[in-house]
Amino acid sequence: MDNNISQENIVNLIKNIQIIVGDIHKAGCLAVDLNELNILVDYTWEQPFFIDVDSFQTSHFPATAIMESIIDRKANGNWTTKKTFGMV
């Protein structure tokens, strides 16, 4: 229990991250560069805040950044298709 972070805090944080990512996708956005450096956490250790959202992509706005260590070189910058956004 380092830093007074409990297993319950961690479970709730992960659930909240999943909810937010689901909401992002429902809004027609794709979080291309979602990684541990792009999420801040509040004092409760349960509320995530997403930063560096220039790495999010919509059907009209391409992602402009992605962390080198997670890039998929086979994607060639095509992180999604119109079908993913329900536009086909």
PDB file of N, CA and C in Angstrom:
ATOM      1  N   MET A   1       0.829  -1.174   0.000  1.00  0.00           N
ATOM      2  CA  MET A   1       0.000   0.000   0.000  1.00  0.00           C
ATOM      3  C   MET A   1       0.884   1.252   0.000  1.00  0.00           C
ATOM      4  N   ASP A   2       1.836   1.343  -0.929  1.00  0.00           N
ATOM      5  CA  ASP A   2       2.672   2.529  -1.057  1.00  0.00           C
ATOM      6  C   ASP A   2       1.814   3.738  -1.386  1.00  0.00           C
ATOM      7  N   ASN A   3       2.161   4.889  -0.851  1.00  0.00           N
ATOM      8  CA  ASN A   3       1.460   6.151  -1.120  1.00  0.00           C
ATOM      9  C   ASN A   3      -0.023   6.100  -0.757  1.00  0.00           C
ATOM     10  N   ASN A   4      -0.387   5.208   0.146  1.00  0.00           N
ATOM     11  CA  ASN A   4      -1.784   5.068   0.576  1.00  0.00           C
ATOM     12  C   ASN A   4      -2.733   4.772  -0.582  1.00  0.00           C
ATOM     13  N   ILE A   5      -2.275   4.009  -1.546  1.00  0.00           N
ATOM     14  CA  ILE A   5      -3.113   3.596  -2.673  1.00  0.00           C
ATOM     15  C   ILE A   5      -3.560   2.163  -2.403  1.00  0.00           C
ATOM     16  N   SER A   6      -4.855   1.982  -2.305  1.00  0.00           N
ATOM     17  CA  SER A   6      -5.379   0.650  -2.022  1.00  0.00           C
ATOM     18  C   SER A   6      -5.718  -0.089  -3.314  1.00  0.00           C
ATOM     19  N   GLN A   7      -5.949  -1.375  -3.206  1.00  0.00           N
ATOM     20  CA  GLN A   7      -6.389  -2.153  -4.371  1.00  0.00           C
ATOM     21  C   GLN A   7      -7.733  -1.633  -4.862  1.00  0.00           C
ATOM     22  N   GLU A   8      -8.586  -1.193  -3.948  1.00  0.00           N
ATOM     23  CA  GLU A   8      -9.883  -0.634  -4.335  1.00  0.00           C
ATOM     24  C   GLU A   8      -9.695   0.643  -5.160  1.00  0.00           C
ATOM     25  N   ASN A   9      -8.716   1.490  -4.776  1.00  0.00           N
ATOM     26  CA  ASN A   9      -8.415   2.690  -5.561  1.00  0.00           C
ATOM     27  C   ASN A   9      -8.015   2.318  -6.982  1.00  0.00           C
ATOM     28  N   ILE A  10      -7.164   1.325  -7.099  1.00  0.00           N
ATOM     29  CA  ILE A  10      -6.666   0.905  -8.414  1.00  0.00           C
ATOM     30  C   ILE A  10      -7.805   0.354  -9.270  1.00  0.00           C
ATOM     31  N   VAL A  11      -8.644  -0.484  -8.694  1.00  0.00           N
ATOM     32  CA  VAL A  11      -9.777  -1.047  -9.429  1.00  0.00           C
ATOM     33  C   VAL A  11     -10.703   0.072  -9.894  1.00  0.00           C
ATOM     34  N   ASN A  12     -11.012   1.021  -9.012  1.00  0.00           N
ATOM     35  CA  ASN A  12     -11.895   2.131  -9.378  1.00  0.00           C
ATOM     36  C   ASN A  12     -11.270   3.024 -10.438  1.00  0.00           C
ATOM     37  N   LEU A  13      -9.962   3.247 -10.358  1.00  0.00           N
ATOM     38  CA  LEU A  13      -9.267   4.043 -11.367  1.00  0.00           C
ATOM     39  C   LEU A  13      -9.366   3.374 -12.739  1.00  0.00           C
ATOM     40  N   ILE A  14      -9.108   2.078 -12.786  1.00  0.00           N
ATOM     41  CA  ILE A  14      -9.179   1.350 -14.055  1.00  0.00           C
ATOM     42  C   ILE A  14     -10.598   1.378 -14.614  1.00  0.00           C
ATOM     43  N   LYS A  15     -11.601   1.182 -13.760  1.00  0.00           N
ATOM     44  CA  LYS A  15     -12.991   1.249 -14.219  1.00  0.00           C
ATOM     45  C   LYS A  15     -13.305   2.629 -14.797  1.00  0.00           C
ATOM     46  N   ASN A  16     -12.843   3.681 -14.126  1.00  0.00           N
ATOM     47  CA  ASN A  16     -13.094   5.042 -14.604  1.00  0.00           C
ATOM     48  C   ASN A  16     -12.382   5.318 -15.926  1.00  0.00           C
ATOM     49  N   ILE A  17     -11.178   4.799 -16.084  1.00  0.00           N
ATOM     50  CA  ILE A  17     -10.463   4.940 -17.361  1.00  0.00           C
ATOM     51  C   ILE A  17     -11.250   4.225 -18.463  1.00  0.00           C
ATOM     52  N   GLN A  18     -11.744   3.019 -18.178  1.00  0.00           N
ATOM     53  CA  GLN A  18     -12.529   2.271 -19.172  1.00  0.00           C
ATOM     54  C   GLN A  18     -13.789   3.039 -19.565  1.00  0.00           C
ATOM     55  N   ILE A  19     -14.464   3.647 -18.610  1.00  0.00           N
ATOM     56  CA  ILE A  19     -15.675   4.419 -18.899  1.00  0.00           C
ATOM     57  C   ILE A  19     -15.344   5.602 -19.800  1.00  0.00           C
ATOM     58  N   ILE A  20     -14.278   6.316 -19.472  1.00  0.00           N
ATOM     59  CA  ILE A  20     -13.906   7.495 -20.262  1.00  0.00           C
ATOM     60  C   ILE A  20     -13.504   7.093 -21.678  1.00  0.00           C
ATOM     61  N   VAL A  21     -12.715   6.036 -21.822  1.00  0.00           N
ATOM     62  CA  VAL A  21     -12.321   5.580 -23.161  1.00  0.00           C
ATOM     63  C   VAL A  21     -13.561   5.171 -23.950  1.00  0.00           C
ATOM     64  N   GLY A  22     -14.509   4.504 -23.304  1.00  0.00           N
ATOM     65  CA  GLY A  22     -15.757   4.144 -23.970  1.00  0.00           C
ATOM     66  C   GLY A  22     -16.515   5.376 -24.434  1.00  0.00           C
ATOM     67  N   ASP A  23     -16.564   6.406 -23.590  1.00  0.00           N
ATOM     68  CA  ASP A  23     -17.241   7.651 -23.962  1.00  0.00           C
ATOM     69  C   ASP A  23     -16.532   8.353 -25.119  1.00  0.00           C
ATOM     70  N   ILE A  24     -15.205   8.309 -25.112  1.00  0.00           N
ATOM     71  CA  ILE A  24     -14.420   8.906 -26.203  1.00  0.00           C
ATOM     72  C   ILE A  24     -14.767   8.204 -27.516  1.00  0.00           C
ATOM     73  N   HIS A  25     -14.803   6.890 -27.497  1.00  0.00           N
ATOM     74  CA  HIS A  25     -15.118   6.125 -28.707  1.00  0.00           C
ATOM     75  C   HIS A  25     -16.558   6.350 -29.154  1.00  0.00           C
ATOM     76  N   LYS A  26     -17.487   6.417 -28.208  1.00  0.00           N
ATOM     77  CA  LYS A  26     -18.892   6.679 -28.549  1.00  0.00           C
ATOM     78  C   LYS A  26     -19.058   8.038 -29.219  1.00  0.00           C
ATOM     79  N   ALA A  27     -18.196   8.981 -28.868  1.00  0.00           N
ATOM     80  CA  ALA A  27     -18.257  10.326 -29.442  1.00  0.00           C
ATOM     81  C   ALA A  27     -17.598  10.389 -30.818  1.00  0.00           C
ATOM     82  N   GLY A  28     -17.115   9.243 -31.327  1.00  0.00           N
ATOM     83  CA  GLY A  28     -16.499   9.214 -32.649  1.00  0.00           C
ATOM     84  C   GLY A  28     -15.044   9.622 -32.634  1.00  0.00           C
ATOM     85  N   CYS A  29     -14.408   9.466 -31.495  1.00  0.00           N
ATOM     86  CA  CYS A  29     -12.997   9.816 -31.341  1.00  0.00           C
ATOM     87  C   CYS A  29     -12.211   8.533 -31.088  1.00  0.00           C
ATOM     88  N   LEU A  30     -10.946   8.556 -31.423  1.00  0.00           N
ATOM     89  CA  LEU A  30     -10.065   7.433 -31.166  1.00  0.00           C
ATOM     90  C   LEU A  30      -8.856   7.949 -30.405  1.00  0.00           C
ATOM     91  N   ALA A  31      -8.571   7.367 -29.240  1.00  0.00           N
ATOM     92  CA  ALA A  31      -7.413   7.760 -28.437  1.00  0.00           C
ATOM     93  C   ALA A  31      -6.200   6.986 -28.958  1.00  0.00           C
ATOM     94  N   VAL A  32      -5.495   7.570 -29.914  1.00  0.00           N
ATOM     95  CA  VAL A  32      -4.400   6.883 -30.603  1.00  0.00           C
ATOM     96  C   VAL A  32      -3.197   6.654 -29.693  1.00  0.00           C
ATOM     97  N   ASP A  33      -2.841   7.622 -28.878  1.00  0.00           N
ATOM     98  CA  ASP A  33      -1.626   7.544 -28.060  1.00  0.00           C
ATOM     99  C   ASP A  33      -1.971   7.517 -26.580  1.00  0.00           C
ATOM    100  N   LEU A  34      -2.878   6.645 -26.191  1.00  0.00           N
ATOM    101  CA  LEU A  34      -3.251   6.548 -24.787  1.00  0.00           C
ATOM    102  C   LEU A  34      -2.194   5.727 -24.069  1.00  0.00           C
ATOM    103  N   ASN A  35      -1.524   6.342 -23.118  1.00  0.00           N
ATOM    104  CA  ASN A  35      -0.492   5.657 -22.350  1.00  0.00           C
ATOM    105  C   ASN A  35      -0.421   6.266 -20.954  1.00  0.00           C
ATOM    106  N   GLU A  36       0.361   5.662 -20.095  1.00  0.00           N
ATOM    107  CA  GLU A  36       0.426   6.070 -18.685  1.00  0.00           C
ATOM    108  C   GLU A  36       0.934   7.497 -18.484  1.00  0.00           C
ATOM    109  N   LEU A  37       1.601   8.063 -19.463  1.00  0.00           N
ATOM    110  CA  LEU A  37       2.092   9.433 -19.339  1.00  0.00           C
ATOM    111  C   LEU A  37       1.033  10.462 -19.721  1.00  0.00           C
ATOM    112  N   ASN A  38      -0.093  10.011 -20.271  1.00  0.00           N
ATOM    113  CA  ASN A  38      -1.145  10.917 -20.716  1.00  0.00           C
ATOM    114  C   ASN A  38      -2.368  10.893 -19.801  1.00  0.00           C
ATOM    115  N   ILE A  39      -2.228  10.318 -18.623  1.00  0.00           N
ATOM    116  CA  ILE A  39      -3.327  10.282 -17.666  1.00  0.00           C
ATOM    117  C   ILE A  39      -2.818  10.782 -16.316  1.00  0.00           C
ATOM    118  N   LEU A  40      -3.452  11.838 -15.816  1.00  0.00           N
ATOM    119  CA  LEU A  40      -3.184  12.325 -14.469  1.00  0.00           C
ATOM    120  C   LEU A  40      -4.274  11.793 -13.556  1.00  0.00           C
ATOM    121  N   VAL A  41      -3.988  11.731 -12.257  1.00  0.00           N
ATOM    122  CA  VAL A  41      -4.942  11.189 -11.300  1.00  0.00           C
ATOM    123  C   VAL A  41      -5.130  12.196 -10.163  1.00  0.00           C
ATOM    124  N   ASP A  42      -6.378  12.321  -9.674  1.00  0.00           N
ATOM    125  CA  ASP A  42      -6.639  13.265  -8.591  1.00  0.00           C
ATOM    126  C   ASP A  42      -6.190  12.705  -7.243  1.00  0.00           C
ATOM    127  N   TYR A  43      -6.425  13.454  -6.185  1.00  0.00           N
ATOM    128  CA  TYR A  43      -5.938  13.084  -4.857  1.00  0.00           C
ATOM    129  C   TYR A  43      -6.595  11.815  -4.302  1.00  0.00           C
ATOM    130  N   THR A  44      -7.745  11.414  -4.863  1.00  0.00           N
ATOM    131  CA  THR A  44      -8.402  10.183  -4.396  1.00  0.00           C
ATOM    132  C   THR A  44      -7.784   8.941  -5.029  1.00  0.00           C
ATOM    133  N   TRP A  45      -6.925   9.128  -6.018  1.00  0.00           N
ATOM    134  CA  TRP A  45      -6.305   8.048  -6.798  1.00  0.00           C
ATOM    135  C   TRP A  45      -7.329   7.287  -7.623  1.00  0.00           C
ATOM    136  N   GLU A  46      -8.502   7.901  -7.882  1.00  0.00           N
ATOM    137  CA  GLU A  46      -9.545   7.193  -8.619  1.00  0.00           C
ATOM    138  C   GLU A  46     -10.073   7.960  -9.825  1.00  0.00           C
ATOM    139  N   GLN A  47      -9.871   9.268  -9.881  1.00  0.00           N
ATOM    140  CA  GLN A  47     -10.413  10.076 -10.977  1.00  0.00           C
ATOM    141  C   GLN A  47      -9.311  10.406 -11.983  1.00  0.00           C
ATOM    142  N   PRO A  48      -9.374   9.835 -13.189  1.00  0.00           N
ATOM    143  CA  PRO A  48      -8.352  10.124 -14.197  1.00  0.00           C
ATOM    144  C   PRO A  48      -8.670  11.409 -14.972  1.00  0.00           C
ATOM    145  N   PHE A  49      -7.632  12.089 -15.399  1.00  0.00           N
ATOM    146  CA  PHE A  49      -7.747  13.255 -16.271  1.00  0.00           C
ATOM    147  C   PHE A  49      -6.834  13.016 -17.464  1.00  0.00           C
ATOM    148  N   PHE A  50      -7.404  13.014 -18.648  1.00  0.00           N
ATOM    149  CA  PHE A  50      -6.647  12.729 -19.858  1.00  0.00           C
ATOM    150  C   PHE A  50      -6.013  14.014 -20.376  1.00  0.00           C
ATOM    151  N   ILE A  51      -4.728  13.941 -20.679  1.00  0.00           N
ATOM    152  CA  ILE A  51      -3.994  15.080 -21.231  1.00  0.00           C
ATOM    153  C   ILE A  51      -3.373  14.666 -22.559  1.00  0.00           C
ATOM    154  N   ASP A  52      -2.748  15.609 -23.247  1.00  0.00           N
ATOM    155  CA  ASP A  52      -2.077  15.335 -24.516  1.00  0.00           C
ATOM    156  C   ASP A  52      -3.065  14.768 -25.531  1.00  0.00           C
ATOM    157  N   VAL A  53      -4.227  15.407 -25.637  1.00  0.00           N
ATOM    158  CA  VAL A  53      -5.279  14.886 -26.501  1.00  0.00           C
ATOM    159  C   VAL A  53      -5.090  15.249 -27.971  1.00  0.00           C
ATOM    160  N   ASP A  54      -3.961  15.878 -28.325  1.00  0.00           N
ATOM    161  CA  ASP A  54      -3.683  16.059 -29.748  1.00  0.00           C
ATOM    162  C   ASP A  54      -3.395  14.714 -30.398  1.00  0.00           C
ATOM    163  N   SER A  55      -3.276  13.687 -29.573  1.00  0.00           N
ATOM    164  CA  SER A  55      -3.101  12.337 -30.103  1.00  0.00           C
ATOM    165  C   SER A  55      -4.445  11.626 -30.274  1.00  0.00           C
ATOM    166  N   PHE A  56      -5.554  12.323 -30.046  1.00  0.00           N
ATOM    167  CA  PHE A  56      -6.875  11.773 -30.337  1.00  0.00           C
ATOM    168  C   PHE A  56      -7.178  12.032 -31.808  1.00  0.00           C
ATOM    169  N   GLN A  57      -7.978  11.180 -32.390  1.00  0.00           N
ATOM    170  CA  GLN A  57      -8.298  11.323 -33.812  1.00  0.00           C
ATOM    171  C   GLN A  57      -9.798  11.228 -34.031  1.00  0.00           C
ATOM    172  N   THR A  58     -10.294  12.060 -34.941  1.00  0.00           N
ATOM    173  CA  THR A  58     -11.682  11.966 -35.383  1.00  0.00           C
ATOM    174  C   THR A  58     -11.668  11.725 -36.885  1.00  0.00           C
ATOM    175  N   SER A  59     -12.842  11.611 -37.470  1.00  0.00           N
ATOM    176  CA  SER A  59     -12.900  11.386 -38.912  1.00  0.00           C
ATOM    177  C   SER A  59     -12.411  12.603 -39.694  1.00  0.00           C
ATOM    178  N   HIS A  60     -12.374  13.785 -39.065  1.00  0.00           N
ATOM    179  CA  HIS A  60     -11.936  15.004 -39.748  1.00  0.00           C
ATOM    180  C   HIS A  60     -10.641  15.590 -39.188  1.00  0.00           C
ATOM    181  N   PHE A  61     -10.081  14.969 -38.145  1.00  0.00           N
ATOM    182  CA  PHE A  61      -8.870  15.494 -37.521  1.00  0.00           C
ATOM    183  C   PHE A  61      -7.929  14.338 -37.225  1.00  0.00           C
ATOM    184  N   PRO A  62      -6.827  14.235 -37.961  1.00  0.00           N
ATOM    185  CA  PRO A  62      -5.899  13.126 -37.725  1.00  0.00           C
ATOM    186  C   PRO A  62      -5.105  13.330 -36.442  1.00  0.00           C
ATOM    187  N   ALA A  63      -4.733  12.248 -35.823  1.00  0.00           N
ATOM    188  CA  ALA A  63      -3.856  12.320 -34.656  1.00  0.00           C
ATOM    189  C   ALA A  63      -2.515  12.907 -35.086  1.00  0.00           C
ATOM    190  N   THR A  64      -1.962  13.783 -34.256  1.00  0.00           N
ATOM    191  CA  THR A  64      -0.709  14.449 -34.620  1.00  0.00           C
ATOM    192  C   THR A  64       0.485  13.976 -33.806  1.00  0.00           C
ATOM    193  N   ALA A  65       0.252  13.083 -32.864  1.00  0.00           N
ATOM    194  CA  ALA A  65       1.358  12.624 -32.026  1.00  0.00           C
ATOM    195  C   ALA A  65       1.117  11.194 -31.592  1.00  0.00           C
ATOM    196  N   ILE A  66       2.201  10.457 -31.447  1.00  0.00           N
ATOM    197  CA  ILE A  66       2.122   9.111 -30.888  1.00  0.00           C
ATOM    198  C   ILE A  66       3.476   8.766 -30.294  1.00  0.00           C
ATOM    199  N   MET A  67       3.459   8.141 -29.130  1.00  0.00           N
ATOM    200  CA  MET A  67       4.683   7.791 -28.426  1.00  0.00           C
ATOM    201  C   MET A  67       5.466   6.755 -29.242  1.00  0.00           C
ATOM    202  N   GLU A  68       6.717   6.975 -29.426  1.00  0.00           N
ATOM    203  CA  GLU A  68       7.571   6.118 -30.253  1.00  0.00           C
ATOM    204  C   GLU A  68       7.528   4.659 -29.817  1.00  0.00           C
ATOM    205  N   SER A  69       7.438   4.415 -28.517  1.00  0.00           N
ATOM    206  CA  SER A  69       7.502   3.040 -28.022  1.00  0.00           C
ATOM    207  C   SER A  69       6.222   2.230 -28.276  1.00  0.00           C
ATOM    208  N   ILE A  70       5.122   2.880 -28.685  1.00  0.00           N
ATOM    209  CA  ILE A  70       3.890   2.123 -28.917  1.00  0.00           C
ATOM    210  C   ILE A  70       3.387   2.208 -30.352  1.00  0.00           C
ATOM    211  N   ILE A  71       4.119   2.906 -31.202  1.00  0.00           N
ATOM    212  CA  ILE A  71       3.657   3.108 -32.582  1.00  0.00           C
ATOM    213  C   ILE A  71       3.572   1.770 -33.327  1.00  0.00           C
ATOM    214  N   ASP A  72       2.536   1.621 -34.102  1.00  0.00           N
ATOM    215  CA  ASP A  72       2.358   0.441 -34.950  1.00  0.00           C
ATOM    216  C   ASP A  72       2.801   0.828 -36.358  1.00  0.00           C
ATOM    217  N   ARG A  73       3.976   0.427 -36.740  1.00  0.00           N
ATOM    218  CA  ARG A  73       4.540   0.835 -38.023  1.00  0.00           C
ATOM    219  C   ARG A  73       3.740   0.288 -39.215  1.00  0.00           C
ATOM    220  N   LYS A  74       3.004  -0.786 -39.000  1.00  0.00           N
ATOM    221  CA  LYS A  74       2.189  -1.346 -40.081  1.00  0.00           C
ATOM    222  C   LYS A  74       0.933  -0.517 -40.344  1.00  0.00           C
ATOM    223  N   ALA A  75       0.545   0.339 -39.382  1.00  0.00           N
ATOM    224  CA  ALA A  75      -0.672   1.141 -39.546  1.00  0.00           C
ATOM    225  C   ALA A  75      -0.461   2.300 -40.511  1.00  0.00           C
ATOM    226  N   ASN A  76       0.783   2.726 -40.708  1.00  0.00           N
ATOM    227  CA  ASN A  76       1.102   3.832 -41.619  1.00  0.00           C
ATOM    228  C   ASN A  76       0.248   5.073 -41.365  1.00  0.00           C
ATOM    229  N   GLY A  77      -0.051   5.339 -40.083  1.00  0.00           N
ATOM    230  CA  GLY A  77      -0.849   6.508 -39.750  1.00  0.00           C
ATOM    231  C   GLY A  77      -2.337   6.314 -39.911  1.00  0.00           C
ATOM    232  N   ASN A  78      -2.762   5.126 -40.348  1.00  0.00           N
ATOM    233  CA  ASN A  78      -4.186   4.829 -40.501  1.00  0.00           C
ATOM    234  C   ASN A  78      -4.676   4.117 -39.242  1.00  0.00           C
ATOM    235  N   TRP A  79      -5.002   4.895 -38.233  1.00  0.00           N
ATOM    236  CA  TRP A  79      -5.351   4.327 -36.939  1.00  0.00           C
ATOM    237  C   TRP A  79      -6.751   3.747 -36.927  1.00  0.00           C
ATOM    238  N   THR A  80      -7.582   4.158 -37.873  1.00  0.00           N
ATOM    239  CA  THR A  80      -8.938   3.656 -37.915  1.00  0.00           C
ATOM    240  C   THR A  80      -9.491   3.804 -39.326  1.00  0.00           C
ATOM    241  N   THR A  81     -10.713   3.386 -39.511  1.00  0.00           N
ATOM    242  CA  THR A  81     -11.379   3.560 -40.796  1.00  0.00           C
ATOM    243  C   THR A  81     -12.687   4.288 -40.577  1.00  0.00           C
ATOM    244  N   LYS A  82     -13.306   4.740 -41.638  1.00  0.00           N
ATOM    245  CA  LYS A  82     -14.605   5.381 -41.509  1.00  0.00           C
ATOM    246  C   LYS A  82     -15.613   4.412 -40.918  1.00  0.00           C
ATOM    247  N   LYS A  83     -15.448   3.138 -41.191  1.00  0.00           N
ATOM    248  CA  LYS A  83     -16.364   2.135 -40.653  1.00  0.00           C
ATOM    249  C   LYS A  83     -16.333   2.161 -39.125  1.00  0.00           C
ATOM    250  N   THR A  84     -15.152   2.355 -38.541  1.00  0.00           N
ATOM    251  CA  THR A  84     -15.026   2.417 -37.085  1.00  0.00           C
ATOM    252  C   THR A  84     -15.878   3.524 -36.512  1.00  0.00           C
ATOM    253  N   PHE A  85     -15.968   4.655 -37.216  1.00  0.00           N
ATOM    254  CA  PHE A  85     -16.741   5.781 -36.727  1.00  0.00           C
ATOM    255  C   PHE A  85     -18.199   5.690 -37.138  1.00  0.00           C
ATOM    256  N   GLY A  86     -18.624   4.583 -37.711  1.00  0.00           N
ATOM    257  CA  GLY A  86     -20.005   4.406 -38.096  1.00  0.00           C
ATOM    258  C   GLY A  86     -20.408   5.283 -39.274  1.00  0.00           C
ATOM    259  N   MET A  87     -19.474   5.561 -40.173  1.00  0.00           N
ATOM    260  CA  MET A  87     -19.739   6.476 -41.282  1.00  0.00           C
ATOM    261  C   MET A  87     -19.842   5.774 -42.618  1.00  0.00           C
ATOM    262  N   VAL A  88     -19.927   4.461 -42.621  1.00  0.00           N
ATOM    263  CA  VAL A  88     -20.040   3.719 -43.877  1.00  0.00           C
ATOM    264  C   VAL A  88     -21.470   3.296 -44.086  1.00  0.00           C
TER     265      VAL A  88
END
